[in-house]
């Protein structure tokens, strides 16, 4: 199961449009011109997020017209800043797909120790000195700050949070808190496409 999950994430994330960190506080996956936008707020230190993100990736891969905007927010603990910064900093060495897929398949029940995060980074070939510098860069820290600001605006208190809306009607969003199954996600998308979207949070 772990290998299958890693393959699904790696294939999906490899198609990501990795935006300039200084210009945009998000990474975009799926169909960049999709009629449905899904914003996923996650913390890599959250074990539920690590289970949910591959499911969301699979959902988007099985549905046409889905754009996913992923926003990383270190909300669980002070330690979250470390792993979240490492994953974002890996973009600068063109290792984001590998780094994210490895982190998402960590099966620790709680937070990921910093030494384990660095061991993963070493394993996939990241230059550690550059990585540690990039983690503290203005680009990465600005991205985390902007993501956190957007997350706070949702009014939610935990992760993951999934915000789904018609791409041309972001003010008519459905917000879902916690792990969602494929059926719930599909129902939300169908409601929006049928013109039945609201501001409900579950």
Foldseek 3Di string as FASTA:
>chain_A
DLVVLLVLLLVFCVQKDQDQLQVDLWIKTADPQAQKEKEKEEQLQALLRLVQVSQVSVLSVVDHRYMYTYAYEQQPDPCSLLLQLLLNLVVVVVCNSQLSSVSSSDPPNGGDDNVVSVVSCVVSPHDVVSSVVSSPDPSSVVSNVVSVVVVVVLVDRDDTKMWMARPVCSVQIEIEHGHDHSVVVVVQVVCRVVVNGHHYYD
